[in-house]
Amino acid sequence: YNKEGVECFSFGKHKGKAVEDVLDKEPGYFGWL
């Protein structure tokens, strides 16, 4: 969770980015995970 209480990735190329935003912009990443 970041300071705003939003779930963020804590690893890899999307470290620090909101999970919801990443999965929305890069749908294939969810399948890879």
PDB file of all heavy atoms in Angstrom:
ATOM      1  N   TYR A   1       0.848  -1.188   0.000  1.00  0.00           N
ATOM      2  CA  TYR A   1       0.000   0.000   0.000  1.00  0.00           C
ATOM      3  C   TYR A   1       0.889   1.246   0.000  1.00  0.00           C
ATOM      4  O   TYR A   1       1.881   1.319   0.738  1.00  0.00           O
ATOM      5  CB  TYR A   1      -0.880   0.024   1.242  1.00  0.00           C
ATOM      6  CG  TYR A   1      -1.961  -1.029   1.258  1.00  0.00           C
ATOM      7  CD1 TYR A   1      -1.827  -2.171   2.040  1.00  0.00           C
ATOM      8  CD2 TYR A   1      -3.124  -0.882   0.501  1.00  0.00           C
ATOM      9  CE1 TYR A   1      -2.821  -3.144   2.071  1.00  0.00           C
ATOM     10  CE2 TYR A   1      -4.119  -1.846   0.517  1.00  0.00           C
ATOM     11  CZ  TYR A   1      -3.963  -2.968   1.301  1.00  0.00           C
ATOM     12  OH  TYR A   1      -4.942  -3.925   1.321  1.00  0.00           O
ATOM     13  N   ASN A   2       0.532   2.236  -0.822  1.00  0.00           N
ATOM     14  CA  ASN A   2       1.265   3.501  -0.778  1.00  0.00           C
ATOM     15  C   ASN A   2       0.664   4.395   0.301  1.00  0.00           C
ATOM     16  O   ASN A   2      -0.224   3.971   1.062  1.00  0.00           O
ATOM     17  CB  ASN A   2       1.270   4.180  -2.155  1.00  0.00           C
ATOM     18  CG  ASN A   2      -0.122   4.575  -2.626  1.00  0.00           C
ATOM     19  OD1 ASN A   2      -1.093   4.594  -1.851  1.00  0.00           O
ATOM     20  ND2 ASN A   2      -0.245   4.915  -3.903  1.00  0.00           N
ATOM     21  N   LYS A   3       1.115   5.624   0.382  1.00  0.00           N
ATOM     22  CA  LYS A   3       0.663   6.534   1.442  1.00  0.00           C
ATOM     23  C   LYS A   3      -0.831   6.819   1.348  1.00  0.00           C
ATOM     24  O   LYS A   3      -1.464   7.170   2.338  1.00  0.00           O
ATOM     25  CB  LYS A   3       1.451   7.839   1.373  1.00  0.00           C
ATOM     26  CG  LYS A   3       2.919   7.684   1.732  1.00  0.00           C
ATOM     27  CD  LYS A   3       3.657   9.007   1.636  1.00  0.00           C
ATOM     28  CE  LYS A   3       5.124   8.836   1.990  1.00  0.00           C
ATOM     29  NZ  LYS A   3       5.877  10.114   1.872  1.00  0.00           N
ATOM     30  N   GLU A   4      -1.381   6.683   0.148  1.00  0.00           N
ATOM     31  CA  GLU A   4      -2.810   6.930  -0.047  1.00  0.00           C
ATOM     32  C   GLU A   4      -3.651   5.667   0.156  1.00  0.00           C
ATOM     33  O   GLU A   4      -4.873   5.688  -0.020  1.00  0.00           O
ATOM     34  CB  GLU A   4      -3.078   7.487  -1.455  1.00  0.00           C
ATOM     35  CG  GLU A   4      -2.589   8.917  -1.680  1.00  0.00           C
ATOM     36  CD  GLU A   4      -1.078   9.006  -1.770  1.00  0.00           C
ATOM     37  OE1 GLU A   4      -0.476   8.111  -2.411  1.00  0.00           O
ATOM     38  OE2 GLU A   4      -0.512   9.950  -1.190  1.00  0.00           O
ATOM     39  N   GLY A   5      -2.997   4.553   0.498  1.00  0.00           N
ATOM     40  CA  GLY A   5      -3.715   3.309   0.715  1.00  0.00           C
ATOM     41  C   GLY A   5      -4.056   2.561  -0.553  1.00  0.00           C
ATOM     42  O   GLY A   5      -4.928   1.685  -0.563  1.00  0.00           O
ATOM     43  N   VAL A   6      -3.353   2.877  -1.644  1.00  0.00           N
ATOM     44  CA  VAL A   6      -3.586   2.225  -2.930  1.00  0.00           C
ATOM     45  C   VAL A   6      -2.603   1.069  -3.102  1.00  0.00           C
ATOM     46  O   VAL A   6      -1.413   1.210  -2.806  1.00  0.00           O
ATOM     47  CB  VAL A   6      -3.425   3.238  -4.093  1.00  0.00           C
ATOM     48  CG1 VAL A   6      -3.559   2.546  -5.448  1.00  0.00           C
ATOM     49  CG2 VAL A   6      -4.439   4.361  -3.958  1.00  0.00           C
ATOM     50  N   GLU A   7      -3.093  -0.064  -3.590  1.00  0.00           N
ATOM     51  CA  GLU A   7      -2.220  -1.214  -3.809  1.00  0.00           C
ATOM     52  C   GLU A   7      -1.264  -0.948  -4.967  1.00  0.00           C
ATOM     53  O   GLU A   7      -1.697  -0.585  -6.062  1.00  0.00           O
ATOM     54  CB  GLU A   7      -3.026  -2.478  -4.123  1.00  0.00           C
ATOM     55  CG  GLU A   7      -3.965  -2.911  -3.009  1.00  0.00           C
ATOM     56  CD  GLU A   7      -5.409  -2.613  -3.333  1.00  0.00           C
ATOM     57  OE1 GLU A   7      -5.659  -1.635  -4.076  1.00  0.00           O
ATOM     58  OE2 GLU A   7      -6.282  -3.358  -2.844  1.00  0.00           O
ATOM     59  N   CYS A   8       0.026  -1.114  -4.717  1.00  0.00           N
ATOM     60  CA  CYS A   8       1.056  -0.883  -5.729  1.00  0.00           C
ATOM     61  C   CYS A   8       1.998  -2.082  -5.791  1.00  0.00           C
ATOM     62  O   CYS A   8       2.225  -2.760  -4.784  1.00  0.00           O
ATOM     63  CB  CYS A   8       1.869   0.378  -5.400  1.00  0.00           C
ATOM     64  SG  CYS A   8       0.923   1.906  -5.442  1.00  0.00           S
ATOM     65  N   PHE A   9       2.561  -2.312  -6.972  1.00  0.00           N
ATOM     66  CA  PHE A   9       3.574  -3.356  -7.087  1.00  0.00           C
ATOM     67  C   PHE A   9       4.829  -2.929  -6.321  1.00  0.00           C
ATOM     68  O   PHE A   9       5.227  -1.765  -6.355  1.00  0.00           O
ATOM     69  CB  PHE A   9       3.923  -3.601  -8.555  1.00  0.00           C
ATOM     70  CG  PHE A   9       2.856  -4.328  -9.322  1.00  0.00           C
ATOM     71  CD1 PHE A   9       2.099  -3.670 -10.285  1.00  0.00           C
ATOM     72  CD2 PHE A   9       2.601  -5.668  -9.079  1.00  0.00           C
ATOM     73  CE1 PHE A   9       1.105  -4.334 -10.993  1.00  0.00           C
ATOM     74  CE2 PHE A   9       1.610  -6.343  -9.779  1.00  0.00           C
ATOM     75  CZ  PHE A   9       0.855  -5.678 -10.738  1.00  0.00           C
ATOM     76  N   SER A  10       5.446  -3.878  -5.644  1.00  0.00           N
ATOM     77  CA  SER A  10       6.662  -3.572  -4.880  1.00  0.00           C
ATOM     78  C   SER A  10       7.891  -4.214  -5.514  1.00  0.00           C
ATOM     79  O   SER A  10       8.930  -4.337  -4.877  1.00  0.00           O
ATOM     80  CB  SER A  10       6.513  -4.056  -3.436  1.00  0.00           C
ATOM     81  OG  SER A  10       6.331  -5.461  -3.395  1.00  0.00           O
ATOM     82  N   PHE A  11       7.775  -4.619  -6.783  1.00  0.00           N
ATOM     83  CA  PHE A  11       8.887  -5.294  -7.449  1.00  0.00           C
ATOM     84  C   PHE A  11       8.822  -5.025  -8.952  1.00  0.00           C
ATOM     85  O   PHE A  11       7.813  -4.566  -9.490  1.00  0.00           O
ATOM     86  CB  PHE A  11       8.799  -6.812  -7.222  1.00  0.00           C
ATOM     87  CG  PHE A  11       7.633  -7.448  -7.943  1.00  0.00           C
ATOM     88  CD1 PHE A  11       7.799  -8.048  -9.186  1.00  0.00           C
ATOM     89  CD2 PHE A  11       6.353  -7.396  -7.408  1.00  0.00           C
ATOM     90  CE1 PHE A  11       6.719  -8.603  -9.860  1.00  0.00           C
ATOM     91  CE2 PHE A  11       5.270  -7.944  -8.078  1.00  0.00           C
ATOM     92  CZ  PHE A  11       5.469  -8.556  -9.309  1.00  0.00           C
ATOM     93  N   GLY A  12       9.920  -5.341  -9.632  1.00  0.00           N
ATOM     94  CA  GLY A  12       9.937  -5.376 -11.095  1.00  0.00           C
ATOM     95  C   GLY A  12       9.778  -4.049 -11.803  1.00  0.00           C
ATOM     96  O   GLY A  12       9.916  -2.979 -11.210  1.00  0.00           O
ATOM     97  N   LYS A  13       9.447  -4.117 -13.070  1.00  0.00           N
ATOM     98  CA  LYS A  13       9.405  -2.924 -13.919  1.00  0.00           C
ATOM     99  C   LYS A  13       8.284  -1.963 -13.528  1.00  0.00           C
ATOM    100  O   LYS A  13       8.333  -0.781 -13.885  1.00  0.00           O
ATOM    101  CB  LYS A  13       9.252  -3.329 -15.386  1.00  0.00           C
ATOM    102  CG  LYS A  13       7.948  -4.044 -15.720  1.00  0.00           C
ATOM    103  CD  LYS A  13       7.875  -4.381 -17.207  1.00  0.00           C
ATOM    104  CE  LYS A  13       6.556  -5.058 -17.578  1.00  0.00           C
ATOM    105  NZ  LYS A  13       6.485  -5.348 -19.026  1.00  0.00           N
ATOM    106  N   HIS A  14       7.278  -2.457 -12.815  1.00  0.00           N
ATOM    107  CA  HIS A  14       6.160  -1.597 -12.411  1.00  0.00           C
ATOM    108  C   HIS A  14       6.214  -1.243 -10.921  1.00  0.00           C
ATOM    109  O   HIS A  14       5.198  -0.856 -10.341  1.00  0.00           O
ATOM    110  CB  HIS A  14       4.835  -2.281 -12.728  1.00  0.00           C
ATOM    111  CG  HIS A  14       4.580  -2.446 -14.193  1.00  0.00           C
ATOM    112  ND1 HIS A  14       4.593  -1.389 -15.081  1.00  0.00           N
ATOM    113  CD2 HIS A  14       4.322  -3.559 -14.931  1.00  0.00           C
ATOM    114  CE1 HIS A  14       4.337  -1.829 -16.304  1.00  0.00           C
ATOM    115  NE2 HIS A  14       4.177  -3.151 -16.242  1.00  0.00           N
ATOM    116  N   LYS A  15       7.368  -1.380 -10.325  1.00  0.00           N
ATOM    117  CA  LYS A  15       7.519  -1.088  -8.899  1.00  0.00           C
ATOM    118  C   LYS A  15       7.062   0.334  -8.595  1.00  0.00           C
ATOM    119  O   LYS A  15       7.469   1.286  -9.249  1.00  0.00           O
ATOM    120  CB  LYS A  15       8.982  -1.257  -8.482  1.00  0.00           C
ATOM    121  CG  LYS A  15       9.215  -1.085  -6.980  1.00  0.00           C
ATOM    122  CD  LYS A  15      10.664  -1.381  -6.612  1.00  0.00           C
ATOM    123  CE  LYS A  15      10.894  -1.253  -5.114  1.00  0.00           C
ATOM    124  NZ  LYS A  15      12.297  -1.558  -4.745  1.00  0.00           N
ATOM    125  N   GLY A  16       6.187   0.457  -7.600  1.00  0.00           N
ATOM    126  CA  GLY A  16       5.674   1.755  -7.195  1.00  0.00           C
ATOM    127  C   GLY A  16       4.422   2.189  -7.934  1.00  0.00           C
ATOM    128  O   GLY A  16       3.783   3.173  -7.555  1.00  0.00           O
ATOM    129  N   LYS A  17       4.046   1.466  -8.985  1.00  0.00           N
ATOM    130  CA  LYS A  17       2.860   1.828  -9.770  1.00  0.00           C
ATOM    131  C   LYS A  17       1.623   1.124  -9.212  1.00  0.00           C
ATOM    132  O   LYS A  17       1.705   0.004  -8.711  1.00  0.00           O
ATOM    133  CB  LYS A  17       3.050   1.443 -11.243  1.00  0.00           C
ATOM    134  CG  LYS A  17       4.179   2.180 -11.939  1.00  0.00           C
ATOM    135  CD  LYS A  17       4.302   1.715 -13.387  1.00  0.00           C
ATOM    136  CE  LYS A  17       5.473   2.385 -14.095  1.00  0.00           C
ATOM    137  NZ  LYS A  17       5.624   1.888 -15.490  1.00  0.00           N
ATOM    138  N   ALA A  18       0.474   1.780  -9.339  1.00  0.00           N
ATOM    139  CA  ALA A  18      -0.775   1.213  -8.854  1.00  0.00           C
ATOM    140  C   ALA A  18      -1.117  -0.048  -9.642  1.00  0.00           C
ATOM    141  O   ALA A  18      -1.086  -0.047 -10.872  1.00  0.00           O
ATOM    142  CB  ALA A  18      -1.895   2.225  -8.973  1.00  0.00           C
ATOM    143  N   VAL A  19      -1.425  -1.108  -8.934  1.00  0.00           N
ATOM    144  CA  VAL A  19      -1.743  -2.387  -9.575  1.00  0.00           C
ATOM    145  C   VAL A  19      -2.914  -2.229 -10.543  1.00  0.00           C
ATOM    146  O   VAL A  19      -2.864  -2.708 -11.682  1.00  0.00           O
ATOM    147  CB  VAL A  19      -2.087  -3.459  -8.509  1.00  0.00           C
ATOM    148  CG1 VAL A  19      -2.579  -4.744  -9.171  1.00  0.00           C
ATOM    149  CG2 VAL A  19      -0.872  -3.739  -7.633  1.00  0.00           C
ATOM    150  N   GLU A  20      -3.949  -1.538 -10.105  1.00  0.00           N
ATOM    151  CA  GLU A  20      -5.146  -1.374 -10.935  1.00  0.00           C
ATOM    152  C   GLU A  20      -4.820  -0.666 -12.250  1.00  0.00           C
ATOM    153  O   GLU A  20      -5.302  -1.061 -13.312  1.00  0.00           O
ATOM    154  CB  GLU A  20      -6.202  -0.592 -10.155  1.00  0.00           C
ATOM    155  CG  GLU A  20      -7.585  -0.657 -10.759  1.00  0.00           C
ATOM    156  CD  GLU A  20      -8.643  -0.080  -9.844  1.00  0.00           C
ATOM    157  OE1 GLU A  20      -8.641  -0.418  -8.635  1.00  0.00           O
ATOM    158  OE2 GLU A  20      -9.476   0.719 -10.338  1.00  0.00           O
ATOM    159  N   ASP A  21      -3.961   0.363 -12.182  1.00  0.00           N
ATOM    160  CA  ASP A  21      -3.587   1.105 -13.392  1.00  0.00           C
ATOM    161  C   ASP A  21      -2.779   0.226 -14.344  1.00  0.00           C
ATOM    162  O   ASP A  21      -2.997   0.244 -15.559  1.00  0.00           O
ATOM    163  CB  ASP A  21      -2.776   2.356 -13.027  1.00  0.00           C
ATOM    164  CG  ASP A  21      -3.613   3.400 -12.307  1.00  0.00           C
ATOM    165  OD1 ASP A  21      -4.859   3.306 -12.383  1.00  0.00           O
ATOM    166  OD2 ASP A  21      -3.024   4.290 -11.669  1.00  0.00           O
ATOM    167  N   VAL A  22      -1.843  -0.540 -13.791  1.00  0.00           N
ATOM    168  CA  VAL A  22      -0.991  -1.392 -14.620  1.00  0.00           C
ATOM    169  C   VAL A  22      -1.826  -2.457 -15.327  1.00  0.00           C
ATOM    170  O   VAL A  22      -1.671  -2.688 -16.530  1.00  0.00           O
ATOM    171  CB  VAL A  22       0.115  -2.054 -13.770  1.00  0.00           C
ATOM    172  CG1 VAL A  22       0.870  -3.111 -14.588  1.00  0.00           C
ATOM    173  CG2 VAL A  22       1.090  -1.001 -13.242  1.00  0.00           C
ATOM    174  N   LEU A  23      -2.730  -3.095 -14.584  1.00  0.00           N
ATOM    175  CA  LEU A  23      -3.543  -4.164 -15.170  1.00  0.00           C
ATOM    176  C   LEU A  23      -4.508  -3.623 -16.219  1.00  0.00           C
ATOM    177  O   LEU A  23      -4.868  -4.325 -17.168  1.00  0.00           O
ATOM    178  CB  LEU A  23      -4.315  -4.901 -14.078  1.00  0.00           C
ATOM    179  CG  LEU A  23      -3.472  -5.610 -13.000  1.00  0.00           C
ATOM    180  CD1 LEU A  23      -4.360  -6.410 -12.075  1.00  0.00           C
ATOM    181  CD2 LEU A  23      -2.408  -6.497 -13.623  1.00  0.00           C
ATOM    182  N   ASP A  24      -4.898  -2.353 -16.056  1.00  0.00           N
ATOM    183  CA  ASP A  24      -5.793  -1.734 -17.034  1.00  0.00           C
ATOM    184  C   ASP A  24      -5.047  -1.389 -18.325  1.00  0.00           C
ATOM    185  O   ASP A  24      -5.553  -1.625 -19.429  1.00  0.00           O
ATOM    186  CB  ASP A  24      -6.420  -0.470 -16.433  1.00  0.00           C
ATOM    187  CG  ASP A  24      -7.389   0.200 -17.391  1.00  0.00           C
ATOM    188  OD1 ASP A  24      -8.321  -0.474 -17.864  1.00  0.00           O
ATOM    189  OD2 ASP A  24      -7.206   1.402 -17.677  1.00  0.00           O
ATOM    190  N   LYS A  25      -3.841  -0.861 -18.189  1.00  0.00           N
ATOM    191  CA  LYS A  25      -3.071  -0.418 -19.351  1.00  0.00           C
ATOM    192  C   LYS A  25      -2.314  -1.565 -20.028  1.00  0.00           C
ATOM    193  O   LYS A  25      -1.987  -1.494 -21.207  1.00  0.00           O
ATOM    194  CB  LYS A  25      -2.078   0.673 -18.935  1.00  0.00           C
ATOM    195  CG  LYS A  25      -2.754   1.950 -18.457  1.00  0.00           C
ATOM    196  CD  LYS A  25      -1.750   2.959 -17.929  1.00  0.00           C
ATOM    197  CE  LYS A  25      -2.430   4.207 -17.400  1.00  0.00           C
ATOM    198  NZ  LYS A  25      -1.464   5.162 -16.802  1.00  0.00           N
ATOM    199  N   GLU A  26      -2.019  -2.613 -19.259  1.00  0.00           N
ATOM    200  CA  GLU A  26      -1.239  -3.729 -19.792  1.00  0.00           C
ATOM    201  C   GLU A  26      -1.907  -5.050 -19.409  1.00  0.00           C
ATOM    202  O   GLU A  26      -1.435  -5.769 -18.524  1.00  0.00           O
ATOM    203  CB  GLU A  26       0.190  -3.663 -19.229  1.00  0.00           C
ATOM    204  CG  GLU A  26       1.199  -4.501 -19.967  1.00  0.00           C
ATOM    205  CD  GLU A  26       2.617  -4.315 -19.423  1.00  0.00           C
ATOM    206  OE1 GLU A  26       2.926  -3.217 -18.931  1.00  0.00           O
ATOM    207  OE2 GLU A  26       3.377  -5.274 -19.498  1.00  0.00           O
ATOM    208  N   PRO A  27      -3.024  -5.388 -20.066  1.00  0.00           N
ATOM    209  CA  PRO A  27      -3.801  -6.572 -19.690  1.00  0.00           C
ATOM    210  C   PRO A  27      -2.992  -7.870 -19.695  1.00  0.00           C
ATOM    211  O   PRO A  27      -3.235  -8.761 -18.882  1.00  0.00           O
ATOM    212  CB  PRO A  27      -4.907  -6.614 -20.754  1.00  0.00           C
ATOM    213  CG  PRO A  27      -5.012  -5.208 -21.247  1.00  0.00           C
ATOM    214  CD  PRO A  27      -3.622  -4.649 -21.195  1.00  0.00           C
ATOM    215  N   GLY A  28      -2.024  -7.987 -20.592  1.00  0.00           N
ATOM    216  CA  GLY A  28      -1.228  -9.198 -20.674  1.00  0.00           C
ATOM    217  C   GLY A  28      -0.373  -9.450 -19.446  1.00  0.00           C
ATOM    218  O   GLY A  28       0.026 -10.586 -19.177  1.00  0.00           O
ATOM    219  N   TYR A  29      -0.107  -8.393 -18.692  1.00  0.00           N
ATOM    220  CA  TYR A  29       0.733  -8.530 -17.505  1.00  0.00           C
ATOM    221  C   TYR A  29       0.033  -9.382 -16.448  1.00  0.00           C
ATOM    222  O   TYR A  29       0.677 -10.123 -15.714  1.00  0.00           O
ATOM    223  CB  TYR A  29       1.066  -7.147 -16.948  1.00  0.00           C
ATOM    224  CG  TYR A  29       2.176  -7.132 -15.929  1.00  0.00           C
ATOM    225  CD1 TYR A  29       3.441  -7.638 -16.225  1.00  0.00           C
ATOM    226  CD2 TYR A  29       1.984  -6.592 -14.658  1.00  0.00           C
ATOM    227  CE1 TYR A  29       4.470  -7.619 -15.292  1.00  0.00           C
ATOM    228  CE2 TYR A  29       2.998  -6.559 -13.718  1.00  0.00           C
ATOM    229  CZ  TYR A  29       4.236  -7.071 -14.042  1.00  0.00           C
ATOM    230  OH  TYR A  29       5.245  -7.041 -13.116  1.00  0.00           O
ATOM    231  N   PHE A  30      -1.291  -9.275 -16.387  1.00  0.00           N
ATOM    232  CA  PHE A  30      -2.059 -10.068 -15.423  1.00  0.00           C
ATOM    233  C   PHE A  30      -1.902 -11.565 -15.711  1.00  0.00           C
ATOM    234  O   PHE A  30      -1.669 -12.361 -14.809  1.00  0.00           O
ATOM    235  CB  PHE A  30      -3.530  -9.665 -15.476  1.00  0.00           C
ATOM    236  CG  PHE A  30      -4.416 -10.457 -14.551  1.00  0.00           C
ATOM    237  CD1 PHE A  30      -4.332 -10.291 -13.179  1.00  0.00           C
ATOM    238  CD2 PHE A  30      -5.338 -11.361 -15.059  1.00  0.00           C
ATOM    239  CE1 PHE A  30      -5.147 -11.022 -12.316  1.00  0.00           C
ATOM    240  CE2 PHE A  30      -6.152 -12.097 -14.210  1.00  0.00           C
ATOM    241  CZ  PHE A  30      -6.051 -11.918 -12.841  1.00  0.00           C
ATOM    242  N   GLY A  31      -1.992 -11.931 -16.990  1.00  0.00           N
ATOM    243  CA  GLY A  31      -1.813 -13.322 -17.372  1.00  0.00           C
ATOM    244  C   GLY A  31      -0.428 -13.831 -17.048  1.00  0.00           C
ATOM    245  O   GLY A  31      -0.254 -14.968 -16.587  1.00  0.00           O
ATOM    246  N   TRP A  32       0.570 -12.971 -17.273  1.00  0.00           N
ATOM    247  CA  TRP A  32       1.943 -13.365 -16.954  1.00  0.00           C
ATOM    248  C   TRP A  32       2.102 -13.600 -15.454  1.00  0.00           C
ATOM    249  O   TRP A  32       2.731 -14.586 -15.038  1.00  0.00           O
ATOM    250  CB  TRP A  32       2.916 -12.280 -17.414  1.00  0.00           C
ATOM    251  CG  TRP A  32       4.336 -12.602 -17.040  1.00  0.00           C
ATOM    252  CD1 TRP A  32       5.201 -13.416 -17.705  1.00  0.00           C
ATOM    253  CD2 TRP A  32       5.048 -12.126 -15.873  1.00  0.00           C
ATOM    254  NE1 TRP A  32       6.409 -13.482 -17.039  1.00  0.00           N
ATOM    255  CE2 TRP A  32       6.344 -12.712 -15.912  1.00  0.00           C
ATOM    256  CE3 TRP A  32       4.723 -11.272 -14.822  1.00  0.00           C
ATOM    257  CZ2 TRP A  32       7.294 -12.458 -14.936  1.00  0.00           C
ATOM    258  CZ3 TRP A  32       5.676 -11.034 -13.848  1.00  0.00           C
ATOM    259  CH2 TRP A  32       6.949 -11.621 -13.914  1.00  0.00           C
ATOM    260  N   LEU A  33       1.505 -12.738 -14.632  1.00  0.00           N
ATOM    261  CA  LEU A  33       1.608 -12.877 -13.180  1.00  0.00           C
ATOM    262  C   LEU A  33       0.969 -14.182 -12.699  1.00  0.00           C
ATOM    263  O   LEU A  33       1.519 -14.876 -11.839  1.00  0.00           O
ATOM    264  CB  LEU A  33       0.932 -11.686 -12.487  1.00  0.00           C
ATOM    265  CG  LEU A  33       1.649 -10.336 -12.608  1.00  0.00           C
ATOM    266  CD1 LEU A  33       0.715  -9.212 -12.170  1.00  0.00           C
ATOM    267  CD2 LEU A  33       2.918 -10.316 -11.772  1.00  0.00           C
TER     268      LEU A  33
END
